[in-house]
Full PDB file with SEQRES, HELIX, SHEET, SSBOND, CRYST1, ORIGX, SCALE, CONECT and MASTER records, all heavy atoms in Angstrom:
SEQRES   1 A   36  ARG ILE GLU GLY ILE GLU SER ILE ALA LYS VAL LEU HIS          
SEQRES   2 A   36  THR ALA ARG MET ARG GLY GLY GLU CYS ALA LEU PRO ASP          
SEQRES   3 A   36  GLY GLU ALA GLU ALA ILE GLU GLU ILE ARG                      
HELIX    1 AA1 ILE A    2  MET A   17  1                                  16    
HELIX    2 AA2 GLU A   28  ILE A   35  1                                   8    
CRYST1    1.000    1.000    1.000  90.00  90.00  90.00 P 1           1          
ORIGX1      1.000000  0.000000  0.000000        0.00000                         
ORIGX2      0.000000  1.000000  0.000000        0.00000                         
ORIGX3      0.000000  0.000000  1.000000        0.00000                         
SCALE1      1.000000  0.000000  0.000000        0.00000                         
SCALE2      0.000000  1.000000  0.000000        0.00000                         
SCALE3      0.000000  0.000000  1.000000        0.00000                         
ATOM      1  N   ARG A   1       0.832  -1.205   0.000  1.00  0.00           N  
ATOM      2  CA  ARG A   1       0.000   0.000   0.000  1.00  0.00           C  
ATOM      3  C   ARG A   1       0.870   1.260   0.000  1.00  0.00           C  
ATOM      4  O   ARG A   1       0.559   2.244  -0.684  1.00  0.00           O  
ATOM      5  CB  ARG A   1      -0.946  -0.003   1.207  1.00  0.00           C  
ATOM      6  CG  ARG A   1      -2.130  -0.925   1.017  1.00  0.00           C  
ATOM      7  CD  ARG A   1      -3.019  -1.033   2.235  1.00  0.00           C  
ATOM      8  NE  ARG A   1      -4.186  -1.844   1.898  1.00  0.00           N  
ATOM      9  CZ  ARG A   1      -5.029  -2.350   2.784  1.00  0.00           C  
ATOM     10  NH1 ARG A   1      -4.843  -2.131   4.089  1.00  0.00           N  
ATOM     11  NH2 ARG A   1      -6.056  -3.084   2.392  1.00  0.00           N  
ATOM     12  N   ILE A   2       1.953   1.224   0.750  1.00  0.00           N  
ATOM     13  CA  ILE A   2       2.855   2.375   0.735  1.00  0.00           C  
ATOM     14  C   ILE A   2       3.520   2.520  -0.624  1.00  0.00           C  
ATOM     15  O   ILE A   2       3.660   3.630  -1.150  1.00  0.00           O  
ATOM     16  CB  ILE A   2       3.904   2.263   1.860  1.00  0.00           C  
ATOM     17  CG1 ILE A   2       3.260   2.633   3.191  1.00  0.00           C  
ATOM     18  CG2 ILE A   2       5.123   3.126   1.577  1.00  0.00           C  
ATOM     19  CD1 ILE A   2       4.208   2.768   4.352  1.00  0.00           C  
ATOM     20  N   GLU A   3       3.928   1.404  -1.216  1.00  0.00           N  
ATOM     21  CA  GLU A   3       4.524   1.471  -2.544  1.00  0.00           C  
ATOM     22  C   GLU A   3       3.515   2.044  -3.548  1.00  0.00           C  
ATOM     23  O   GLU A   3       3.868   2.857  -4.411  1.00  0.00           O  
ATOM     24  CB  GLU A   3       4.974   0.086  -2.991  1.00  0.00           C  
ATOM     25  CG  GLU A   3       5.728   0.099  -4.306  1.00  0.00           C  
ATOM     26  CD  GLU A   3       6.244  -1.277  -4.692  1.00  0.00           C  
ATOM     27  OE1 GLU A   3       5.556  -2.285  -4.402  1.00  0.00           O  
ATOM     28  OE2 GLU A   3       7.337  -1.345  -5.282  1.00  0.00           O  
ATOM     29  N   GLY A   4       2.261   1.645  -3.413  1.00  0.00           N  
ATOM     30  CA  GLY A   4       1.228   2.160  -4.301  1.00  0.00           C  
ATOM     31  C   GLY A   4       1.001   3.647  -4.137  1.00  0.00           C  
ATOM     32  O   GLY A   4       0.905   4.387  -5.135  1.00  0.00           O  
ATOM     33  N   ILE A   5       0.912   4.124  -2.905  1.00  0.00           N  
ATOM     34  CA  ILE A   5       0.664   5.554  -2.692  1.00  0.00           C  
ATOM     35  C   ILE A   5       1.869   6.375  -3.113  1.00  0.00           C  
ATOM     36  O   ILE A   5       1.734   7.521  -3.574  1.00  0.00           O  
ATOM     37  CB  ILE A   5       0.264   5.834  -1.227  1.00  0.00           C  
ATOM     38  CG1 ILE A   5      -0.587   7.119  -1.147  1.00  0.00           C  
ATOM     39  CG2 ILE A   5       1.455   5.949  -0.308  1.00  0.00           C  
ATOM     40  CD1 ILE A   5      -1.956   7.001  -1.720  1.00  0.00           C  
ATOM     41  N   GLU A   6       3.070   5.809  -3.006  1.00  0.00           N  
ATOM     42  CA  GLU A   6       4.262   6.506  -3.484  1.00  0.00           C  
ATOM     43  C   GLU A   6       4.198   6.692  -4.997  1.00  0.00           C  
ATOM     44  O   GLU A   6       4.508   7.775  -5.521  1.00  0.00           O  
ATOM     45  CB  GLU A   6       5.515   5.719  -3.097  1.00  0.00           C  
ATOM     46  CG  GLU A   6       6.818   6.270  -3.654  1.00  0.00           C  
ATOM     47  CD  GLU A   6       7.237   7.604  -3.076  1.00  0.00           C  
ATOM     48  OE1 GLU A   6       6.548   8.124  -2.174  1.00  0.00           O  
ATOM     49  OE2 GLU A   6       8.255   8.142  -3.534  1.00  0.00           O  
ATOM     50  N   SER A   7       3.794   5.650  -5.718  1.00  0.00           N  
ATOM     51  CA  SER A   7       3.661   5.761  -7.167  1.00  0.00           C  
ATOM     52  C   SER A   7       2.610   6.792  -7.548  1.00  0.00           C  
ATOM     53  O   SER A   7       2.807   7.601  -8.478  1.00  0.00           O  
ATOM     54  CB  SER A   7       3.290   4.390  -7.751  1.00  0.00           C  
ATOM     55  OG  SER A   7       3.063   4.477  -9.132  1.00  0.00           O  
ATOM     56  N   ILE A   8       1.490   6.793  -6.840  1.00  0.00           N  
ATOM     57  CA  ILE A   8       0.430   7.757  -7.119  1.00  0.00           C  
ATOM     58  C   ILE A   8       0.898   9.182  -6.834  1.00  0.00           C  
ATOM     59  O   ILE A   8       0.633  10.109  -7.606  1.00  0.00           O  
ATOM     60  CB  ILE A   8      -0.824   7.411  -6.300  1.00  0.00           C  
ATOM     61  CG1 ILE A   8      -1.470   6.141  -6.873  1.00  0.00           C  
ATOM     62  CG2 ILE A   8      -1.820   8.570  -6.288  1.00  0.00           C  
ATOM     63  CD1 ILE A   8      -2.504   5.516  -5.964  1.00  0.00           C  
ATOM     64  N   ALA A   9       1.622   9.360  -5.730  1.00  0.00           N  
ATOM     65  CA  ALA A   9       2.145  10.696  -5.405  1.00  0.00           C  
ATOM     66  C   ALA A   9       3.083  11.193  -6.503  1.00  0.00           C  
ATOM     67  O   ALA A   9       3.078  12.379  -6.860  1.00  0.00           O  
ATOM     68  CB  ALA A   9       2.878  10.657  -4.063  1.00  0.00           C  
ATOM     69  N   LYS A  10       3.854  10.280  -7.069  1.00  0.00           N  
ATOM     70  CA  LYS A  10       4.756  10.651  -8.172  1.00  0.00           C  
ATOM     71  C   LYS A  10       3.962  11.064  -9.404  1.00  0.00           C  
ATOM     72  O   LYS A  10       4.289  12.058 -10.069  1.00  0.00           O  
ATOM     73  CB  LYS A  10       5.688   9.485  -8.498  1.00  0.00           C  
ATOM     74  CG  LYS A  10       6.731   9.808  -9.550  1.00  0.00           C  
ATOM     75  CD  LYS A  10       7.688   8.629  -9.740  1.00  0.00           C  
ATOM     76  CE  LYS A  10       8.762   8.963 -10.776  1.00  0.00           C  
ATOM     77  NZ  LYS A  10       9.725   7.832 -10.943  1.00  0.00           N  
ATOM     78  N   VAL A  11       2.913  10.306  -9.725  1.00  0.00           N  
ATOM     79  CA  VAL A  11       2.066  10.644 -10.868  1.00  0.00           C  
ATOM     80  C   VAL A  11       1.434  12.020 -10.680  1.00  0.00           C  
ATOM     81  O   VAL A  11       1.437  12.861 -11.609  1.00  0.00           O  
ATOM     82  CB  VAL A  11       0.977   9.572 -11.077  1.00  0.00           C  
ATOM     83  CG1 VAL A  11      -0.080  10.049 -12.061  1.00  0.00           C  
ATOM     84  CG2 VAL A  11       1.594   8.269 -11.556  1.00  0.00           C  
ATOM     85  N   LEU A  12       0.875  12.277  -9.499  1.00  0.00           N  
ATOM     86  CA  LEU A  12       0.219  13.566  -9.256  1.00  0.00           C  
ATOM     87  C   LEU A  12       1.218  14.708  -9.296  1.00  0.00           C  
ATOM     88  O   LEU A  12       0.930  15.788  -9.841  1.00  0.00           O  
ATOM     89  CB  LEU A  12      -0.516  13.533  -7.916  1.00  0.00           C  
ATOM     90  CG  LEU A  12      -1.695  12.563  -7.830  1.00  0.00           C  
ATOM     91  CD1 LEU A  12      -2.342  12.632  -6.458  1.00  0.00           C  
ATOM     92  CD2 LEU A  12      -2.717  12.838  -8.925  1.00  0.00           C  
ATOM     93  N   HIS A  13       2.401  14.486  -8.716  1.00  0.00           N  
ATOM     94  CA  HIS A  13       3.444  15.510  -8.764  1.00  0.00           C  
ATOM     95  C   HIS A  13       3.789  15.832 -10.223  1.00  0.00           C  
ATOM     96  O   HIS A  13       3.874  17.010 -10.603  1.00  0.00           O  
ATOM     97  CB  HIS A  13       4.684  15.023  -8.023  1.00  0.00           C  
ATOM     98  CG  HIS A  13       5.872  15.904  -8.203  1.00  0.00           C  
ATOM     99  ND1 HIS A  13       6.053  17.070  -7.492  1.00  0.00           N  
ATOM    100  CD2 HIS A  13       6.953  15.806  -9.045  1.00  0.00           C  
ATOM    101  CE1 HIS A  13       7.176  17.645  -7.863  1.00  0.00           C  
ATOM    102  NE2 HIS A  13       7.743  16.894  -8.795  1.00  0.00           N  
ATOM    103  N   THR A  14       3.965  14.798 -11.036  1.00  0.00           N  
ATOM    104  CA  THR A  14       4.339  14.998 -12.433  1.00  0.00           C  
ATOM    105  C   THR A  14       3.223  15.698 -13.201  1.00  0.00           C  
ATOM    106  O   THR A  14       3.471  16.628 -13.990  1.00  0.00           O  
ATOM    107  CB  THR A  14       4.661  13.645 -13.099  1.00  0.00           C  
ATOM    108  OG1 THR A  14       5.694  12.992 -12.359  1.00  0.00           O  
ATOM    109  CG2 THR A  14       5.118  13.836 -14.532  1.00  0.00           C  
ATOM    110  N   ALA A  15       1.971  15.267 -12.978  1.00  0.00           N  
ATOM    111  CA  ALA A  15       0.842  15.892 -13.668  1.00  0.00           C  
ATOM    112  C   ALA A  15       0.736  17.368 -13.316  1.00  0.00           C  
ATOM    113  O   ALA A  15       0.460  18.214 -14.188  1.00  0.00           O  
ATOM    114  CB  ALA A  15      -0.453  15.169 -13.303  1.00  0.00           C  
ATOM    115  N   ARG A  16       0.972  17.683 -12.041  1.00  0.00           N  
ATOM    116  CA  ARG A  16       0.846  19.079 -11.620  1.00  0.00           C  
ATOM    117  C   ARG A  16       2.004  19.929 -12.132  1.00  0.00           C  
ATOM    118  O   ARG A  16       1.827  21.133 -12.380  1.00  0.00           O  
ATOM    119  CB  ARG A  16       0.696  19.124 -10.104  1.00  0.00           C  
ATOM    120  CG  ARG A  16      -0.653  18.557  -9.671  1.00  0.00           C  
ATOM    121  CD  ARG A  16      -0.786  18.260  -8.206  1.00  0.00           C  
ATOM    122  NE  ARG A  16      -2.066  17.560  -7.973  1.00  0.00           N  
ATOM    123  CZ  ARG A  16      -2.469  17.093  -6.801  1.00  0.00           C  
ATOM    124  NH1 ARG A  16      -1.688  17.228  -5.721  1.00  0.00           N  
ATOM    125  NH2 ARG A  16      -3.639  16.477  -6.693  1.00  0.00           N  
ATOM    126  N   MET A  17       3.155  19.306 -12.311  1.00  0.00           N  
ATOM    127  CA  MET A  17       4.265  20.022 -12.945  1.00  0.00           C  
ATOM    128  C   MET A  17       3.956  20.330 -14.416  1.00  0.00           C  
ATOM    129  O   MET A  17       4.500  21.271 -14.993  1.00  0.00           O  
ATOM    130  CB  MET A  17       5.540  19.179 -12.861  1.00  0.00           C  
ATOM    131  CG  MET A  17       6.118  19.035 -11.467  1.00  0.00           C  
ATOM    132  SD  MET A  17       6.866  20.560 -10.849  1.00  0.00           S  
ATOM    133  CE  MET A  17       8.325  20.645 -11.886  1.00  0.00           C  
ATOM    134  N   ARG A  18       3.063  19.547 -15.007  1.00  0.00           N  
ATOM    135  CA  ARG A  18       2.704  19.715 -16.414  1.00  0.00           C  
ATOM    136  C   ARG A  18       1.391  20.490 -16.585  1.00  0.00           C  
ATOM    137  O   ARG A  18       0.826  20.521 -17.672  1.00  0.00           O  
ATOM    138  CB  ARG A  18       2.601  18.353 -17.096  1.00  0.00           C  
ATOM    139  CG  ARG A  18       3.894  17.558 -17.028  1.00  0.00           C  
ATOM    140  CD  ARG A  18       3.805  16.228 -17.774  1.00  0.00           C  
ATOM    141  NE  ARG A  18       3.628  16.453 -19.213  1.00  0.00           N  
ATOM    142  CZ  ARG A  18       2.635  15.950 -19.920  1.00  0.00           C  
ATOM    143  NH1 ARG A  18       1.691  15.218 -19.331  1.00  0.00           N  
ATOM    144  NH2 ARG A  18       2.552  16.183 -21.222  1.00  0.00           N  
ATOM    145  N   GLY A  19       0.898  21.066 -15.510  1.00  0.00           N  
ATOM    146  CA  GLY A  19      -0.273  21.921 -15.627  1.00  0.00           C  
ATOM    147  C   GLY A  19      -1.497  21.466 -14.874  1.00  0.00           C  
ATOM    148  O   GLY A  19      -2.505  22.167 -14.831  1.00  0.00           O  
ATOM    149  N   GLY A  20      -1.466  20.253 -14.288  1.00  0.00           N  
ATOM    150  CA  GLY A  20      -2.580  19.799 -13.474  1.00  0.00           C  
ATOM    151  C   GLY A  20      -3.381  18.679 -14.107  1.00  0.00           C  
ATOM    152  O   GLY A  20      -3.261  18.389 -15.300  1.00  0.00           O  
ATOM    153  N   GLU A  21      -4.223  18.040 -13.286  1.00  0.00           N  
ATOM    154  CA  GLU A  21      -5.010  16.898 -13.725  1.00  0.00           C  
ATOM    155  C   GLU A  21      -6.216  17.325 -14.554  1.00  0.00           C  
ATOM    156  O   GLU A  21      -6.665  18.475 -14.473  1.00  0.00           O  
ATOM    157  CB  GLU A  21      -5.543  16.106 -12.527  1.00  0.00           C  
ATOM    158  CG  GLU A  21      -4.509  15.589 -11.560  1.00  0.00           C  
ATOM    159  CD  GLU A  21      -4.409  16.448 -10.302  1.00  0.00           C  
ATOM    160  OE1 GLU A  21      -4.201  17.678 -10.458  1.00  0.00           O  
ATOM    161  OE2 GLU A  21      -4.560  15.913  -9.204  1.00  0.00           O  
ATOM    162  N   CYS A  22      -6.754  16.359 -15.290  1.00  0.00           N  
ATOM    163  CA  CYS A  22      -8.025  16.511 -15.995  1.00  0.00           C  
ATOM    164  C   CYS A  22      -9.086  15.785 -15.167  1.00  0.00           C  
ATOM    165  O   CYS A  22      -9.072  14.561 -15.049  1.00  0.00           O  
ATOM    166  CB  CYS A  22      -7.921  15.914 -17.391  1.00  0.00           C  
ATOM    167  SG  CYS A  22      -9.461  15.947 -18.326  1.00  0.00           S  
ATOM    168  N   ALA A  23      -9.994  16.519 -14.571  1.00  0.00           N  
ATOM    169  CA  ALA A  23     -10.955  15.944 -13.628  1.00  0.00           C  
ATOM    170  C   ALA A  23     -11.888  14.948 -14.301  1.00  0.00           C  
ATOM    171  O   ALA A  23     -12.211  15.067 -15.497  1.00  0.00           O  
ATOM    172  CB  ALA A  23     -11.774  17.046 -12.977  1.00  0.00           C  
ATOM    173  N   LEU A  24     -12.330  13.970 -13.532  1.00  0.00           N  
ATOM    174  CA  LEU A  24     -13.351  13.037 -13.998  1.00  0.00           C  
ATOM    175  C   LEU A  24     -14.674  13.775 -14.200  1.00  0.00           C  
ATOM    176  O   LEU A  24     -14.876  14.878 -13.666  1.00  0.00           O  
ATOM    177  CB  LEU A  24     -13.538  11.925 -12.961  1.00  0.00           C  
ATOM    178  CG  LEU A  24     -12.345  10.985 -12.748  1.00  0.00           C  
ATOM    179  CD1 LEU A  24     -12.580  10.108 -11.521  1.00  0.00           C  
ATOM    180  CD2 LEU A  24     -12.109  10.132 -13.982  1.00  0.00           C  
ATOM    181  N   PRO A  25     -15.601  13.175 -14.941  1.00  0.00           N  
ATOM    182  CA  PRO A  25     -16.914  13.813 -15.100  1.00  0.00           C  
ATOM    183  C   PRO A  25     -17.577  14.074 -13.749  1.00  0.00           C  
ATOM    184  O   PRO A  25     -17.320  13.385 -12.758  1.00  0.00           O  
ATOM    185  CB  PRO A  25     -17.701  12.781 -15.919  1.00  0.00           C  
ATOM    186  CG  PRO A  25     -16.657  11.992 -16.644  1.00  0.00           C  
ATOM    187  CD  PRO A  25     -15.485  11.926 -15.713  1.00  0.00           C  
ATOM    188  N   ASP A  26     -18.465  15.050 -13.725  1.00  0.00           N  
ATOM    189  CA  ASP A  26     -19.149  15.430 -12.484  1.00  0.00           C  
ATOM    190  C   ASP A  26     -19.787  14.218 -11.810  1.00  0.00           C  
ATOM    191  O   ASP A  26     -20.503  13.438 -12.463  1.00  0.00           O  
ATOM    192  CB  ASP A  26     -20.236  16.469 -12.772  1.00  0.00           C  
ATOM    193  CG  ASP A  26     -19.666  17.831 -13.129  1.00  0.00           C  
ATOM    194  OD1 ASP A  26     -18.445  18.027 -12.924  1.00  0.00           O  
ATOM    195  OD2 ASP A  26     -20.436  18.671 -13.611  1.00  0.00           O  
ATOM    196  N   GLY A  27     -19.532  14.072 -10.534  1.00  0.00           N  
ATOM    197  CA  GLY A  27     -20.137  13.012  -9.736  1.00  0.00           C  
ATOM    198  C   GLY A  27     -19.412  11.686  -9.788  1.00  0.00           C  
ATOM    199  O   GLY A  27     -19.685  10.793  -8.973  1.00  0.00           O  
ATOM    200  N   GLU A  28     -18.469  11.516 -10.713  1.00  0.00           N  
ATOM    201  CA  GLU A  28     -17.807  10.224 -10.872  1.00  0.00           C  
ATOM    202  C   GLU A  28     -16.866   9.928  -9.703  1.00  0.00           C  
ATOM    203  O   GLU A  28     -16.840   8.799  -9.188  1.00  0.00           O  
ATOM    204  CB  GLU A  28     -17.040  10.189 -12.196  1.00  0.00           C  
ATOM    205  CG  GLU A  28     -16.393   8.862 -12.514  1.00  0.00           C  
ATOM    206  CD  GLU A  28     -17.379   7.738 -12.786  1.00  0.00           C  
ATOM    207  OE1 GLU A  28     -18.595   8.014 -12.868  1.00  0.00           O  
ATOM    208  OE2 GLU A  28     -16.941   6.587 -12.913  1.00  0.00           O  
ATOM    209  N   ALA A  29     -16.096  10.909  -9.271  1.00  0.00           N  
ATOM    210  CA  ALA A  29     -15.179  10.693  -8.148  1.00  0.00           C  
ATOM    211  C   ALA A  29     -15.947  10.314  -6.888  1.00  0.00           C  
ATOM    212  O   ALA A  29     -15.554   9.411  -6.145  1.00  0.00           O  
ATOM    213  CB  ALA A  29     -14.327  11.932  -7.906  1.00  0.00           C  
ATOM    214  N   GLU A  30     -17.063  10.987  -6.662  1.00  0.00           N  
ATOM    215  CA  GLU A  30     -17.879  10.698  -5.478  1.00  0.00           C  
ATOM    216  C   GLU A  30     -18.476   9.295  -5.549  1.00  0.00           C  
ATOM    217  O   GLU A  30     -18.560   8.581  -4.542  1.00  0.00           O  
ATOM    218  CB  GLU A  30     -18.996  11.733  -5.348  1.00  0.00           C  
ATOM    219  CG  GLU A  30     -18.523  13.140  -5.025  1.00  0.00           C  
ATOM    220  CD  GLU A  30     -18.009  13.900  -6.245  1.00  0.00           C  
ATOM    221  OE1 GLU A  30     -18.083  13.354  -7.380  1.00  0.00           O  
ATOM    222  OE2 GLU A  30     -17.537  15.038  -6.077  1.00  0.00           O  
ATOM    223  N   ALA A  31     -18.888   8.881  -6.744  1.00  0.00           N  
ATOM    224  CA  ALA A  31     -19.462   7.550  -6.908  1.00  0.00           C  
ATOM    225  C   ALA A  31     -18.424   6.466  -6.652  1.00  0.00           C  
ATOM    226  O   ALA A  31     -18.707   5.444  -6.011  1.00  0.00           O  
ATOM    227  CB  ALA A  31     -20.044   7.401  -8.315  1.00  0.00           C  
ATOM    228  N   ILE A  32     -17.199   6.685  -7.129  1.00  0.00           N  
ATOM    229  CA  ILE A  32     -16.127   5.714  -6.908  1.00  0.00           C  
ATOM    230  C   ILE A  32     -15.748   5.659  -5.433  1.00  0.00           C  
ATOM    231  O   ILE A  32     -15.508   4.572  -4.879  1.00  0.00           O  
ATOM    232  CB  ILE A  32     -14.907   6.054  -7.784  1.00  0.00           C  
ATOM    233  CG1 ILE A  32     -15.268   5.929  -9.265  1.00  0.00           C  
ATOM    234  CG2 ILE A  32     -13.729   5.138  -7.452  1.00  0.00           C  
ATOM    235  CD1 ILE A  32     -14.202   6.433 -10.205  1.00  0.00           C  
ATOM    236  N   GLU A  33     -15.726   6.804  -4.784  1.00  0.00           N  
ATOM    237  CA  GLU A  33     -15.424   6.825  -3.345  1.00  0.00           C  
ATOM    238  C   GLU A  33     -16.483   6.064  -2.554  1.00  0.00           C  
ATOM    239  O   GLU A  33     -16.170   5.352  -1.595  1.00  0.00           O  
ATOM    240  CB  GLU A  33     -15.329   8.270  -2.854  1.00  0.00           C  
ATOM    241  CG  GLU A  33     -15.273   8.455  -1.345  1.00  0.00           C  
ATOM    242  CD  GLU A  33     -14.005   7.919  -0.687  1.00  0.00           C  
ATOM    243  OE1 GLU A  33     -13.174   7.281  -1.370  1.00  0.00           O  
ATOM    244  OE2 GLU A  33     -13.850   8.121   0.529  1.00  0.00           O  
ATOM    245  N   GLU A  34     -17.729   6.163  -2.955  1.00  0.00           N  
ATOM    246  CA  GLU A  34     -18.796   5.425  -2.280  1.00  0.00           C  
ATOM    247  C   GLU A  34     -18.596   3.923  -2.437  1.00  0.00           C  
ATOM    248  O   GLU A  34     -18.814   3.148  -1.489  1.00  0.00           O  
ATOM    249  CB  GLU A  34     -20.159   5.841  -2.847  1.00  0.00           C  
ATOM    250  CG  GLU A  34     -21.343   5.182  -2.155  1.00  0.00           C  
ATOM    251  CD  GLU A  34     -21.459   5.552  -0.689  1.00  0.00           C  
ATOM    252  OE1 GLU A  34     -20.999   6.659  -0.309  1.00  0.00           O  
ATOM    253  OE2 GLU A  34     -22.001   4.731   0.095  1.00  0.00           O  
ATOM    254  N   ILE A  35     -18.160   3.493  -3.614  1.00  0.00           N  
ATOM    255  CA  ILE A  35     -17.852   2.076  -3.827  1.00  0.00           C  
ATOM    256  C   ILE A  35     -16.740   1.627  -2.894  1.00  0.00           C  
ATOM    257  O   ILE A  35     -16.799   0.551  -2.286  1.00  0.00           O  
ATOM    258  CB  ILE A  35     -17.462   1.823  -5.297  1.00  0.00           C  
ATOM    259  CG1 ILE A  35     -18.657   2.064  -6.215  1.00  0.00           C  
ATOM    260  CG2 ILE A  35     -16.915   0.411  -5.488  1.00  0.00           C  
ATOM    261  CD1 ILE A  35     -18.306   2.074  -7.693  1.00  0.00           C  
ATOM    262  N   ARG A  36     -15.696   2.466  -2.774  1.00  0.00           N  
ATOM    263  CA  ARG A  36     -14.580   2.124  -1.875  1.00  0.00           C  
ATOM    264  C   ARG A  36     -15.051   1.947  -0.438  1.00  0.00           C  
ATOM    265  O   ARG A  36     -14.702   0.973   0.242  1.00  0.00           O  
ATOM    266  CB  ARG A  36     -13.501   3.215  -1.932  1.00  0.00           C  
ATOM    267  CG  ARG A  36     -12.254   2.906  -1.083  1.00  0.00           C  
ATOM    268  CD  ARG A  36     -11.332   4.106  -0.998  1.00  0.00           C  
ATOM    269  NE  ARG A  36     -11.833   5.131  -0.116  1.00  0.00           N  
ATOM    270  CZ  ARG A  36     -11.629   5.163   1.202  1.00  0.00           C  
ATOM    271  NH1 ARG A  36     -10.941   4.188   1.798  1.00  0.00           N  
ATOM    272  NH2 ARG A  36     -12.119   6.147   1.936  1.00  0.00           N  
TER     273      ARG A  36                                                      
MASTER        0    0    0    2    0    0    0    6  272    1    0    3          
END                                                                             
């Protein structure tokens, strides 16, 4: 789990260095979080 979150932190850092993420469609993040 730590190895996974480290990889994700690297991806987010890189994306933000390149201008930021492209958000999921409205409500999708919340729906996935509810599944989790």
